[in-house]
Amino acid sequence: RLSLRVRYADHRDAEGAAPLEPATDLDVELAAAARRLADRIVTRRIALAAVGLTATLGVGSDVQLSLFAAPSPAARRQSLNATLDRVRRRHGTASIRYAR
């Protein structure tokens, strides 16, 4: 679940939340969901004074993997993200990024 709260320069607040269906902890999917939520919540054309984004991640469930089937795209993405995290911890956050 993502929750977004913004405060405009005139001290008015706007907030909203959106469930993540299906639940995910992948950065690309979280960023896309946050952009959709921001498009829905930030509707005024006035400067923002504060922005707060909260991601509530539930507890994952154990899944029996197949010995012979190819890994799912979600499993491949999780493996990629784990590798990216290891590279960033070792060499810094700017060492590797997604292409644009």
PDB file of N, CA and C in Angstrom:
ATOM      1  N   ARG A   1       0.842  -1.170   0.000  1.00  0.00           N
ATOM      2  CA  ARG A   1       0.000   0.000   0.000  1.00  0.00           C
ATOM      3  C   ARG A   1       0.888   1.234   0.000  1.00  0.00           C
ATOM      4  N   LEU A   2       0.557   2.180  -0.861  1.00  0.00           N
ATOM      5  CA  LEU A   2       1.259   3.453  -0.911  1.00  0.00           C
ATOM      6  C   LEU A   2       0.344   4.552  -0.394  1.00  0.00           C
ATOM      7  N   SER A   3       0.914   5.427   0.426  1.00  0.00           N
ATOM      8  CA  SER A   3       0.185   6.594   0.926  1.00  0.00           C
ATOM      9  C   SER A   3       0.984   7.835   0.578  1.00  0.00           C
ATOM     10  N   LEU A   4       0.308   8.847   0.064  1.00  0.00           N
ATOM     11  CA  LEU A   4       0.968  10.092  -0.327  1.00  0.00           C
ATOM     12  C   LEU A   4       0.268  11.253   0.357  1.00  0.00           C
ATOM     13  N   ARG A   5       1.076  12.144   0.921  1.00  0.00           N
ATOM     14  CA  ARG A   5       0.547  13.357   1.538  1.00  0.00           C
ATOM     15  C   ARG A   5       1.383  14.524   1.049  1.00  0.00           C
ATOM     16  N   VAL A   6       0.713  15.562   0.554  1.00  0.00           N
ATOM     17  CA  VAL A   6       1.408  16.760   0.086  1.00  0.00           C
ATOM     18  C   VAL A   6       0.853  17.976   0.812  1.00  0.00           C
ATOM     19  N   ARG A   7       1.736  18.938   1.019  1.00  0.00           N
ATOM     20  CA  ARG A   7       1.321  20.230   1.586  1.00  0.00           C
ATOM     21  C   ARG A   7       1.715  21.291   0.571  1.00  0.00           C
ATOM     22  N   TYR A   8       0.724  22.087   0.202  1.00  0.00           N
ATOM     23  CA  TYR A   8       0.963  23.168  -0.746  1.00  0.00           C
ATOM     24  C   TYR A   8       1.548  24.371  -0.012  1.00  0.00           C
ATOM     25  N   ALA A   9       2.071  25.326  -0.779  1.00  0.00           N
ATOM     26  CA  ALA A   9       2.685  26.518  -0.206  1.00  0.00           C
ATOM     27  C   ALA A   9       1.681  27.351   0.582  1.00  0.00           C
ATOM     28  N   ASP A  10       0.393  27.232   0.285  1.00  0.00           N
ATOM     29  CA  ASP A  10      -0.626  27.974   1.034  1.00  0.00           C
ATOM     30  C   ASP A  10      -1.144  27.182   2.239  1.00  0.00           C
ATOM     31  N   HIS A  11      -0.417  26.142   2.644  1.00  0.00           N
ATOM     32  CA  HIS A  11      -0.673  25.322   3.831  1.00  0.00           C
ATOM     33  C   HIS A  11      -1.923  24.451   3.740  1.00  0.00           C
ATOM     34  N   ARG A  12      -2.382  24.183   2.560  1.00  0.00           N
ATOM     35  CA  ARG A  12      -3.471  23.214   2.387  1.00  0.00           C
ATOM     36  C   ARG A  12      -2.857  21.853   2.119  1.00  0.00           C
ATOM     37  N   ASP A  13      -3.516  20.824   2.611  1.00  0.00           N
ATOM     38  CA  ASP A  13      -3.010  19.460   2.459  1.00  0.00           C
ATOM     39  C   ASP A  13      -3.881  18.664   1.501  1.00  0.00           C
ATOM     40  N   ALA A  14      -3.266  17.700   0.862  1.00  0.00           N
ATOM     41  CA  ALA A  14      -3.979  16.719   0.048  1.00  0.00           C
ATOM     42  C   ALA A  14      -3.320  15.376   0.330  1.00  0.00           C
ATOM     43  N   GLU A  15      -4.140  14.350   0.440  1.00  0.00           N
ATOM     44  CA  GLU A  15      -3.575  13.027   0.699  1.00  0.00           C
ATOM     45  C   GLU A  15      -4.436  11.952   0.075  1.00  0.00           C
ATOM     46  N   GLY A  16      -3.818  10.807  -0.109  1.00  0.00           N
ATOM     47  CA  GLY A  16      -4.519   9.674  -0.670  1.00  0.00           C
ATOM     48  C   GLY A  16      -3.674   8.426  -0.545  1.00  0.00           C
ATOM     49  N   ALA A  17      -4.292   7.310  -0.845  1.00  0.00           N
ATOM     50  CA  ALA A  17      -3.604   6.024  -0.747  1.00  0.00           C
ATOM     51  C   ALA A  17      -4.090   5.121  -1.867  1.00  0.00           C
ATOM     52  N   ALA A  18      -3.258   4.148  -2.189  1.00  0.00           N
ATOM     53  CA  ALA A  18      -3.611   3.175  -3.222  1.00  0.00           C
ATOM     54  C   ALA A  18      -3.012   1.827  -2.855  1.00  0.00           C
ATOM     55  N   PRO A  19      -3.784   0.763  -2.995  1.00  0.00           N
ATOM     56  CA  PRO A  19      -3.230  -0.571  -2.726  1.00  0.00           C
ATOM     57  C   PRO A  19      -2.309  -0.984  -3.870  1.00  0.00           C
ATOM     58  N   LEU A  20      -1.367  -1.827  -3.576  1.00  0.00           N
ATOM     59  CA  LEU A  20      -0.492  -2.383  -4.603  1.00  0.00           C
ATOM     60  C   LEU A  20      -1.015  -3.770  -4.951  1.00  0.00           C
ATOM     61  N   GLU A  21      -1.622  -3.872  -6.109  1.00  0.00           N
ATOM     62  CA  GLU A  21      -2.175  -5.155  -6.543  1.00  0.00           C
ATOM     63  C   GLU A  21      -1.491  -5.601  -7.817  1.00  0.00           C
ATOM     64  N   PRO A  22      -0.777  -6.662  -7.842  1.00  0.00           N
ATOM     65  CA  PRO A  22      -0.393  -7.508  -6.723  1.00  0.00           C
ATOM     66  C   PRO A  22       0.683  -6.830  -5.887  1.00  0.00           C
ATOM     67  N   ALA A  23       0.832  -7.269  -4.656  1.00  0.00           N
ATOM     68  CA  ALA A  23       1.828  -6.706  -3.749  1.00  0.00           C
ATOM     69  C   ALA A  23       3.221  -6.874  -4.356  1.00  0.00           C
ATOM     70  N   THR A  24       4.059  -5.859  -4.156  1.00  0.00           N
ATOM     71  CA  THR A  24       5.400  -5.905  -4.739  1.00  0.00           C
ATOM     72  C   THR A  24       6.374  -5.116  -3.886  1.00  0.00           C
ATOM     73  N   ASP A  25       7.644  -5.443  -4.009  1.00  0.00           N
ATOM     74  CA  ASP A  25       8.695  -4.636  -3.413  1.00  0.00           C
ATOM     75  C   ASP A  25       9.714  -4.233  -4.472  1.00  0.00           C
ATOM     76  N   LEU A  26       9.339  -4.351  -5.732  1.00  0.00           N
ATOM     77  CA  LEU A  26      10.225  -3.999  -6.839  1.00  0.00           C
ATOM     78  C   LEU A  26      10.208  -2.493  -7.073  1.00  0.00           C
ATOM     79  N   ASP A  27      11.392  -1.900  -7.173  1.00  0.00           N
ATOM     80  CA  ASP A  27      11.489  -0.453  -7.251  1.00  0.00           C
ATOM     81  C   ASP A  27      10.810   0.140  -8.483  1.00  0.00           C
ATOM     82  N   VAL A  28      10.887  -0.524  -9.614  1.00  0.00           N
ATOM     83  CA  VAL A  28      10.271  -0.008 -10.833  1.00  0.00           C
ATOM     84  C   VAL A  28       8.751   0.046 -10.679  1.00  0.00           C
ATOM     85  N   GLU A  29       8.156  -0.989 -10.118  1.00  0.00           N
ATOM     86  CA  GLU A  29       6.709  -1.023  -9.933  1.00  0.00           C
ATOM     87  C   GLU A  29       6.263  -0.033  -8.857  1.00  0.00           C
ATOM     88  N   LEU A  30       7.047   0.107  -7.781  1.00  0.00           N
ATOM     89  CA  LEU A  30       6.717   1.084  -6.742  1.00  0.00           C
ATOM     90  C   LEU A  30       6.776   2.507  -7.291  1.00  0.00           C
ATOM     91  N   ALA A  31       7.789   2.805  -8.104  1.00  0.00           N
ATOM     92  CA  ALA A  31       7.908   4.141  -8.681  1.00  0.00           C
ATOM     93  C   ALA A  31       6.736   4.445  -9.613  1.00  0.00           C
ATOM     94  N   ALA A  32       6.339   3.475 -10.418  1.00  0.00           N
ATOM     95  CA  ALA A  32       5.203   3.683 -11.322  1.00  0.00           C
ATOM     96  C   ALA A  32       3.915   3.902 -10.539  1.00  0.00           C
ATOM     97  N   ALA A  33       3.704   3.128  -9.481  1.00  0.00           N
ATOM     98  CA  ALA A  33       2.506   3.296  -8.651  1.00  0.00           C
ATOM     99  C   ALA A  33       2.530   4.643  -7.944  1.00  0.00           C
ATOM    100  N   ALA A  34       3.700   5.098  -7.498  1.00  0.00           N
ATOM    101  CA  ALA A  34       3.816   6.400  -6.836  1.00  0.00           C
ATOM    102  C   ALA A  34       3.506   7.530  -7.816  1.00  0.00           C
ATOM    103  N   ARG A  35       3.960   7.394  -9.061  1.00  0.00           N
ATOM    104  CA  ARG A  35       3.648   8.417 -10.068  1.00  0.00           C
ATOM    105  C   ARG A  35       2.147   8.490 -10.343  1.00  0.00           C
ATOM    106  N   ARG A  36       1.499   7.321 -10.446  1.00  0.00           N
ATOM    107  CA  ARG A  36       0.046   7.315 -10.673  1.00  0.00           C
ATOM    108  C   ARG A  36      -0.686   7.964  -9.503  1.00  0.00           C
ATOM    109  N   LEU A  37      -0.251   7.663  -8.291  1.00  0.00           N
ATOM    110  CA  LEU A  37      -0.870   8.240  -7.102  1.00  0.00           C
ATOM    111  C   LEU A  37      -0.650   9.749  -7.060  1.00  0.00           C
ATOM    112  N   ALA A  38       0.549  10.206  -7.379  1.00  0.00           N
ATOM    113  CA  ALA A  38       0.840  11.644  -7.392  1.00  0.00           C
ATOM    114  C   ALA A  38       0.001  12.358  -8.451  1.00  0.00           C
ATOM    115  N   ASP A  39      -0.171  11.740  -9.613  1.00  0.00           N
ATOM    116  CA  ASP A  39      -1.008  12.343 -10.654  1.00  0.00           C
ATOM    117  C   ASP A  39      -2.438  12.524 -10.177  1.00  0.00           C
ATOM    118  N   ARG A  40      -2.903  11.609  -9.340  1.00  0.00           N
ATOM    119  CA  ARG A  40      -4.265  11.684  -8.824  1.00  0.00           C
ATOM    120  C   ARG A  40      -4.391  12.687  -7.680  1.00  0.00           C
ATOM    121  N   ILE A  41      -3.370  12.809  -6.826  1.00  0.00           N
ATOM    122  CA  ILE A  41      -3.452  13.628  -5.617  1.00  0.00           C
ATOM    123  C   ILE A  41      -3.064  15.084  -5.875  1.00  0.00           C
ATOM    124  N   VAL A  42      -1.988  15.307  -6.606  1.00  0.00           N
ATOM    125  CA  VAL A  42      -1.498  16.673  -6.840  1.00  0.00           C
ATOM    126  C   VAL A  42      -2.261  17.260  -8.016  1.00  0.00           C
ATOM    127  N   THR A  43      -3.274  18.061  -7.698  1.00  0.00           N
ATOM    128  CA  THR A  43      -4.164  18.585  -8.730  1.00  0.00           C
ATOM    129  C   THR A  43      -4.087  20.097  -8.875  1.00  0.00           C
ATOM    130  N   ARG A  44      -3.486  20.776  -7.904  1.00  0.00           N
ATOM    131  CA  ARG A  44      -3.429  22.238  -7.943  1.00  0.00           C
ATOM    132  C   ARG A  44      -2.117  22.694  -8.563  1.00  0.00           C
ATOM    133  N   ARG A  45      -2.163  23.847  -9.200  1.00  0.00           N
ATOM    134  CA  ARG A  45      -0.955  24.419  -9.806  1.00  0.00           C
ATOM    135  C   ARG A  45      -0.372  25.469  -8.869  1.00  0.00           C
ATOM    136  N   ILE A  46       0.159  24.991  -7.777  1.00  0.00           N
ATOM    137  CA  ILE A  46       0.798  25.847  -6.777  1.00  0.00           C
ATOM    138  C   ILE A  46       1.984  25.072  -6.220  1.00  0.00           C
ATOM    139  N   ALA A  47       2.988  25.783  -5.739  1.00  0.00           N
ATOM    140  CA  ALA A  47       4.200  25.134  -5.253  1.00  0.00           C
ATOM    141  C   ALA A  47       3.901  24.202  -4.084  1.00  0.00           C
ATOM    142  N   LEU A  48       4.674  23.125  -4.016  1.00  0.00           N
ATOM    143  CA  LEU A  48       4.559  22.186  -2.909  1.00  0.00           C
ATOM    144  C   LEU A  48       5.571  22.552  -1.829  1.00  0.00           C
ATOM    145  N   ALA A  49       5.131  22.528  -0.577  1.00  0.00           N
ATOM    146  CA  ALA A  49       6.024  22.814   0.541  1.00  0.00           C
ATOM    147  C   ALA A  49       6.573  21.523   1.144  1.00  0.00           C
ATOM    148  N   ALA A  50       5.817  20.445   1.061  1.00  0.00           N
ATOM    149  CA  ALA A  50       6.258  19.172   1.638  1.00  0.00           C
ATOM    150  C   ALA A  50       5.567  18.020   0.909  1.00  0.00           C
ATOM    151  N   VAL A  51       6.301  16.913   0.799  1.00  0.00           N
ATOM    152  CA  VAL A  51       5.774  15.701   0.174  1.00  0.00           C
ATOM    153  C   VAL A  51       6.194  14.521   1.041  1.00  0.00           C
ATOM    154  N   GLY A  52       5.236  13.663   1.372  1.00  0.00           N
ATOM    155  CA  GLY A  52       5.541  12.455   2.132  1.00  0.00           C
ATOM    156  C   GLY A  52       4.962  11.248   1.436  1.00  0.00           C
ATOM    157  N   LEU A  53       5.784  10.259   1.191  1.00  0.00           N
ATOM    158  CA  LEU A  53       5.345   9.021   0.550  1.00  0.00           C
ATOM    159  C   LEU A  53       5.685   7.867   1.474  1.00  0.00           C
ATOM    160  N   THR A  54       4.688   7.056   1.787  1.00  0.00           N
ATOM    161  CA  THR A  54       4.875   5.915   2.675  1.00  0.00           C
ATOM    162  C   THR A  54       4.494   4.645   1.941  1.00  0.00           C
ATOM    163  N   ALA A  55       5.367   3.665   1.983  1.00  0.00           N
ATOM    164  CA  ALA A  55       5.077   2.348   1.412  1.00  0.00           C
ATOM    165  C   ALA A  55       4.953   1.365   2.561  1.00  0.00           C
ATOM    166  N   THR A  56       3.798   0.720   2.658  1.00  0.00           N
ATOM    167  CA  THR A  56       3.569  -0.297   3.675  1.00  0.00           C
ATOM    168  C   THR A  56       3.636  -1.648   2.980  1.00  0.00           C
ATOM    169  N   LEU A  57       4.681  -2.386   3.298  1.00  0.00           N
ATOM    170  CA  LEU A  57       4.878  -3.686   2.663  1.00  0.00           C
ATOM    171  C   LEU A  57       4.479  -4.782   3.633  1.00  0.00           C
ATOM    172  N   GLY A  58       3.642  -5.669   3.189  1.00  0.00           N
ATOM    173  CA  GLY A  58       3.218  -6.788   4.021  1.00  0.00           C
ATOM    174  C   GLY A  58       4.285  -7.867   4.071  1.00  0.00           C
ATOM    175  N   VAL A  59       3.996  -8.885   4.803  1.00  0.00           N
ATOM    176  CA  VAL A  59       4.913 -10.018   4.925  1.00  0.00           C
ATOM    177  C   VAL A  59       4.676 -10.951   3.750  1.00  0.00           C
ATOM    178  N   GLY A  60       5.750 -11.329   3.073  1.00  0.00           N
ATOM    179  CA  GLY A  60       5.633 -12.221   1.925  1.00  0.00           C
ATOM    180  C   GLY A  60       5.274 -13.632   2.354  1.00  0.00           C
ATOM    181  N   SER A  61       4.735 -14.376   1.433  1.00  0.00           N
ATOM    182  CA  SER A  61       4.399 -15.766   1.729  1.00  0.00           C
ATOM    183  C   SER A  61       5.403 -16.678   1.033  1.00  0.00           C
ATOM    184  N   ASP A  62       5.613 -17.826   1.600  1.00  0.00           N
ATOM    185  CA  ASP A  62       6.526 -18.789   1.008  1.00  0.00           C
ATOM    186  C   ASP A  62       5.830 -19.484  -0.157  1.00  0.00           C
ATOM    187  N   VAL A  63       6.571 -19.646  -1.226  1.00  0.00           N
ATOM    188  CA  VAL A  63       6.029 -20.270  -2.426  1.00  0.00           C
ATOM    189  C   VAL A  63       6.948 -21.413  -2.821  1.00  0.00           C
ATOM    190  N   GLN A  64       6.370 -22.556  -3.109  1.00  0.00           N
ATOM    191  CA  GLN A  64       7.156 -23.694  -3.575  1.00  0.00           C
ATOM    192  C   GLN A  64       7.524 -23.460  -5.031  1.00  0.00           C
ATOM    193  N   LEU A  65       8.814 -23.423  -5.330  1.00  0.00           N
ATOM    194  CA  LEU A  65       9.277 -23.209  -6.688  1.00  0.00           C
ATOM    195  C   LEU A  65       9.415 -24.537  -7.406  1.00  0.00           C
ATOM    196  N   SER A  66       9.218 -24.504  -8.707  1.00  0.00           N
ATOM    197  CA  SER A  66       9.371 -25.701  -9.528  1.00  0.00           C
ATOM    198  C   SER A  66      10.851 -25.933  -9.821  1.00  0.00           C
ATOM    199  N   LEU A  67      11.242 -27.177  -9.831  1.00  0.00           N
ATOM    200  CA  LEU A  67      12.638 -27.515 -10.093  1.00  0.00           C
ATOM    201  C   LEU A  67      12.982 -27.368 -11.577  1.00  0.00           C
ATOM    202  N   PHE A  68      12.012 -27.588 -12.467  1.00  0.00           N
ATOM    203  CA  PHE A  68      12.301 -27.635 -13.887  1.00  0.00           C
ATOM    204  C   PHE A  68      11.738 -26.467 -14.685  1.00  0.00           C
ATOM    205  N   ALA A  69      10.837 -25.703 -14.130  1.00  0.00           N
ATOM    206  CA  ALA A  69      10.237 -24.591 -14.868  1.00  0.00           C
ATOM    207  C   ALA A  69      11.174 -23.387 -14.866  1.00  0.00           C
ATOM    208  N   ALA A  70      11.079 -22.588 -15.912  1.00  0.00           N
ATOM    209  CA  ALA A  70      11.868 -21.349 -15.985  1.00  0.00           C
ATOM    210  C   ALA A  70      11.355 -20.380 -14.917  1.00  0.00           C
ATOM    211  N   PRO A  71      12.244 -19.570 -14.368  1.00  0.00           N
ATOM    212  CA  PRO A  71      11.791 -18.627 -13.342  1.00  0.00           C
ATOM    213  C   PRO A  71      10.815 -17.610 -13.928  1.00  0.00           C
ATOM    214  N   SER A  72       9.880 -17.184 -13.106  1.00  0.00           N
ATOM    215  CA  SER A  72       8.889 -16.206 -13.553  1.00  0.00           C
ATOM    216  C   SER A  72       9.565 -14.849 -13.750  1.00  0.00           C
ATOM    217  N   PRO A  73       8.946 -13.964 -14.523  1.00  0.00           N
ATOM    218  CA  PRO A  73       9.517 -12.620 -14.689  1.00  0.00           C
ATOM    219  C   PRO A  73       9.673 -11.895 -13.346  1.00  0.00           C
ATOM    220  N   ALA A  74       8.749 -12.100 -12.430  1.00  0.00           N
ATOM    221  CA  ALA A  74       8.851 -11.451 -11.117  1.00  0.00           C
ATOM    222  C   ALA A  74      10.062 -11.977 -10.349  1.00  0.00           C
ATOM    223  N   ALA A  75      10.321 -13.284 -10.422  1.00  0.00           N
ATOM    224  CA  ALA A  75      11.479 -13.862  -9.743  1.00  0.00           C
ATOM    225  C   ALA A  75      12.776 -13.371 -10.371  1.00  0.00           C
ATOM    226  N   ARG A  76      12.786 -13.224 -11.688  1.00  0.00           N
ATOM    227  CA  ARG A  76      13.974 -12.698 -12.363  1.00  0.00           C
ATOM    228  C   ARG A  76      14.217 -11.251 -11.971  1.00  0.00           C
ATOM    229  N   ARG A  77      13.137 -10.452 -11.859  1.00  0.00           N
ATOM    230  CA  ARG A  77      13.268  -9.048 -11.475  1.00  0.00           C
ATOM    231  C   ARG A  77      13.782  -8.938 -10.039  1.00  0.00           C
ATOM    232  N   GLN A  78      13.310  -9.810  -9.143  1.00  0.00           N
ATOM    233  CA  GLN A  78      13.783  -9.782  -7.759  1.00  0.00           C
ATOM    234  C   GLN A  78      15.263 -10.131  -7.687  1.00  0.00           C
ATOM    235  N   SER A  79      15.688 -11.088  -8.476  1.00  0.00           N
ATOM    236  CA  SER A  79      17.100 -11.454  -8.517  1.00  0.00           C
ATOM    237  C   SER A  79      17.947 -10.291  -9.044  1.00  0.00           C
ATOM    238  N   LEU A  80      17.460  -9.627 -10.080  1.00  0.00           N
ATOM    239  CA  LEU A  80      18.153  -8.463 -10.625  1.00  0.00           C
ATOM    240  C   LEU A  80      18.264  -7.364  -9.576  1.00  0.00           C
ATOM    241  N   ASN A  81      17.165  -7.075  -8.864  1.00  0.00           N
ATOM    242  CA  ASN A  81      17.186  -6.029  -7.839  1.00  0.00           C
ATOM    243  C   ASN A  81      18.145  -6.369  -6.706  1.00  0.00           C
ATOM    244  N   ALA A  82      18.209  -7.621  -6.313  1.00  0.00           N
ATOM    245  CA  ALA A  82      19.146  -8.021  -5.256  1.00  0.00           C
ATOM    246  C   ALA A  82      20.586  -7.800  -5.710  1.00  0.00           C
ATOM    247  N   THR A  83      20.868  -8.109  -6.969  1.00  0.00           N
ATOM    248  CA  THR A  83      22.211  -7.891  -7.506  1.00  0.00           C
ATOM    249  C   THR A  83      22.531  -6.404  -7.587  1.00  0.00           C
ATOM    250  N   LEU A  84      21.577  -5.601  -8.042  1.00  0.00           N
ATOM    251  CA  LEU A  84      21.772  -4.147  -8.089  1.00  0.00           C
ATOM    252  C   LEU A  84      22.045  -3.584  -6.700  1.00  0.00           C
ATOM    253  N   ASP A  85      21.320  -4.062  -5.704  1.00  0.00           N
ATOM    254  CA  ASP A  85      21.531  -3.600  -4.324  1.00  0.00           C
ATOM    255  C   ASP A  85      22.941  -3.925  -3.844  1.00  0.00           C
ATOM    256  N   ARG A  86      23.435  -5.125  -4.164  1.00  0.00           N
ATOM    257  CA  ARG A  86      24.797  -5.498  -3.750  1.00  0.00           C
ATOM    258  C   ARG A  86      25.841  -4.606  -4.417  1.00  0.00           C
ATOM    259  N   VAL A  87      25.662  -4.315  -5.709  1.00  0.00           N
ATOM    260  CA  VAL A  87      26.600  -3.447  -6.429  1.00  0.00           C
ATOM    261  C   VAL A  87      26.567  -2.043  -5.826  1.00  0.00           C
ATOM    262  N   ARG A  88      25.377  -1.517  -5.544  1.00  0.00           N
ATOM    263  CA  ARG A  88      25.261  -0.166  -4.988  1.00  0.00           C
ATOM    264  C   ARG A  88      25.850  -0.071  -3.585  1.00  0.00           C
ATOM    265  N   ARG A  89      25.688  -1.114  -2.784  1.00  0.00           N
ATOM    266  CA  ARG A  89      26.283  -1.102  -1.440  1.00  0.00           C
ATOM    267  C   ARG A  89      27.806  -1.082  -1.530  1.00  0.00           C
ATOM    268  N   ARG A  90      28.338  -1.805  -2.475  1.00  0.00           N
ATOM    269  CA  ARG A  90      29.795  -1.924  -2.576  1.00  0.00           C
ATOM    270  C   ARG A  90      30.447  -0.728  -3.268  1.00  0.00           C
ATOM    271  N   HIS A  91      29.790  -0.199  -4.322  1.00  0.00           N
ATOM    272  CA  HIS A  91      30.419   0.831  -5.157  1.00  0.00           C
ATOM    273  C   HIS A  91      29.699   2.182  -5.128  1.00  0.00           C
ATOM    274  N   GLY A  92      28.640   2.321  -4.359  1.00  0.00           N
ATOM    275  CA  GLY A  92      27.919   3.594  -4.280  1.00  0.00           C
ATOM    276  C   GLY A  92      26.653   3.590  -5.112  1.00  0.00           C
ATOM    277  N   THR A  93      25.719   4.461  -4.745  1.00  0.00           N
ATOM    278  CA  THR A  93      24.404   4.462  -5.397  1.00  0.00           C
ATOM    279  C   THR A  93      24.444   4.924  -6.846  1.00  0.00           C
ATOM    280  N   ALA A  94      25.441   5.705  -7.223  1.00  0.00           N
ATOM    281  CA  ALA A  94      25.523   6.195  -8.605  1.00  0.00           C
ATOM    282  C   ALA A  94      26.294   5.244  -9.510  1.00  0.00           C
ATOM    283  N   SER A  95      26.745   4.106  -8.993  1.00  0.00           N
ATOM    284  CA  SER A  95      27.581   3.202  -9.782  1.00  0.00           C
ATOM    285  C   SER A  95      26.831   2.471 -10.882  1.00  0.00           C
ATOM    286  N   ILE A  96      25.534   2.257 -10.701  1.00  0.00           N
ATOM    287  CA  ILE A  96      24.762   1.530 -11.708  1.00  0.00           C
ATOM    288  C   ILE A  96      23.333   2.041 -11.672  1.00  0.00           C
ATOM    289  N   ARG A  97      22.759   2.246 -12.866  1.00  0.00           N
ATOM    290  CA  ARG A  97      21.398   2.773 -12.964  1.00  0.00           C
ATOM    291  C   ARG A  97      20.677   2.105 -14.129  1.00  0.00           C
ATOM    292  N   TYR A  98      19.368   2.309 -14.164  1.00  0.00           N
ATOM    293  CA  TYR A  98      18.582   1.831 -15.290  1.00  0.00           C
ATOM    294  C   TYR A  98      18.812   2.745 -16.482  1.00  0.00           C
ATOM    295  N   ALA A  99      18.773   2.207 -17.688  1.00  0.00           N
ATOM    296  CA  ALA A  99      18.905   3.015 -18.900  1.00  0.00           C
ATOM    297  C   ALA A  99      17.625   3.805 -19.131  1.00  0.00           C
ATOM    298  N   ARG A 100      17.755   4.887 -19.799  1.00  0.00           N
ATOM    299  CA  ARG A 100      16.563   5.720 -20.117  1.00  0.00           C
ATOM    300  C   ARG A 100      16.284   5.674 -21.591  1.00  0.00           C
TER     301      ARG A 100
END
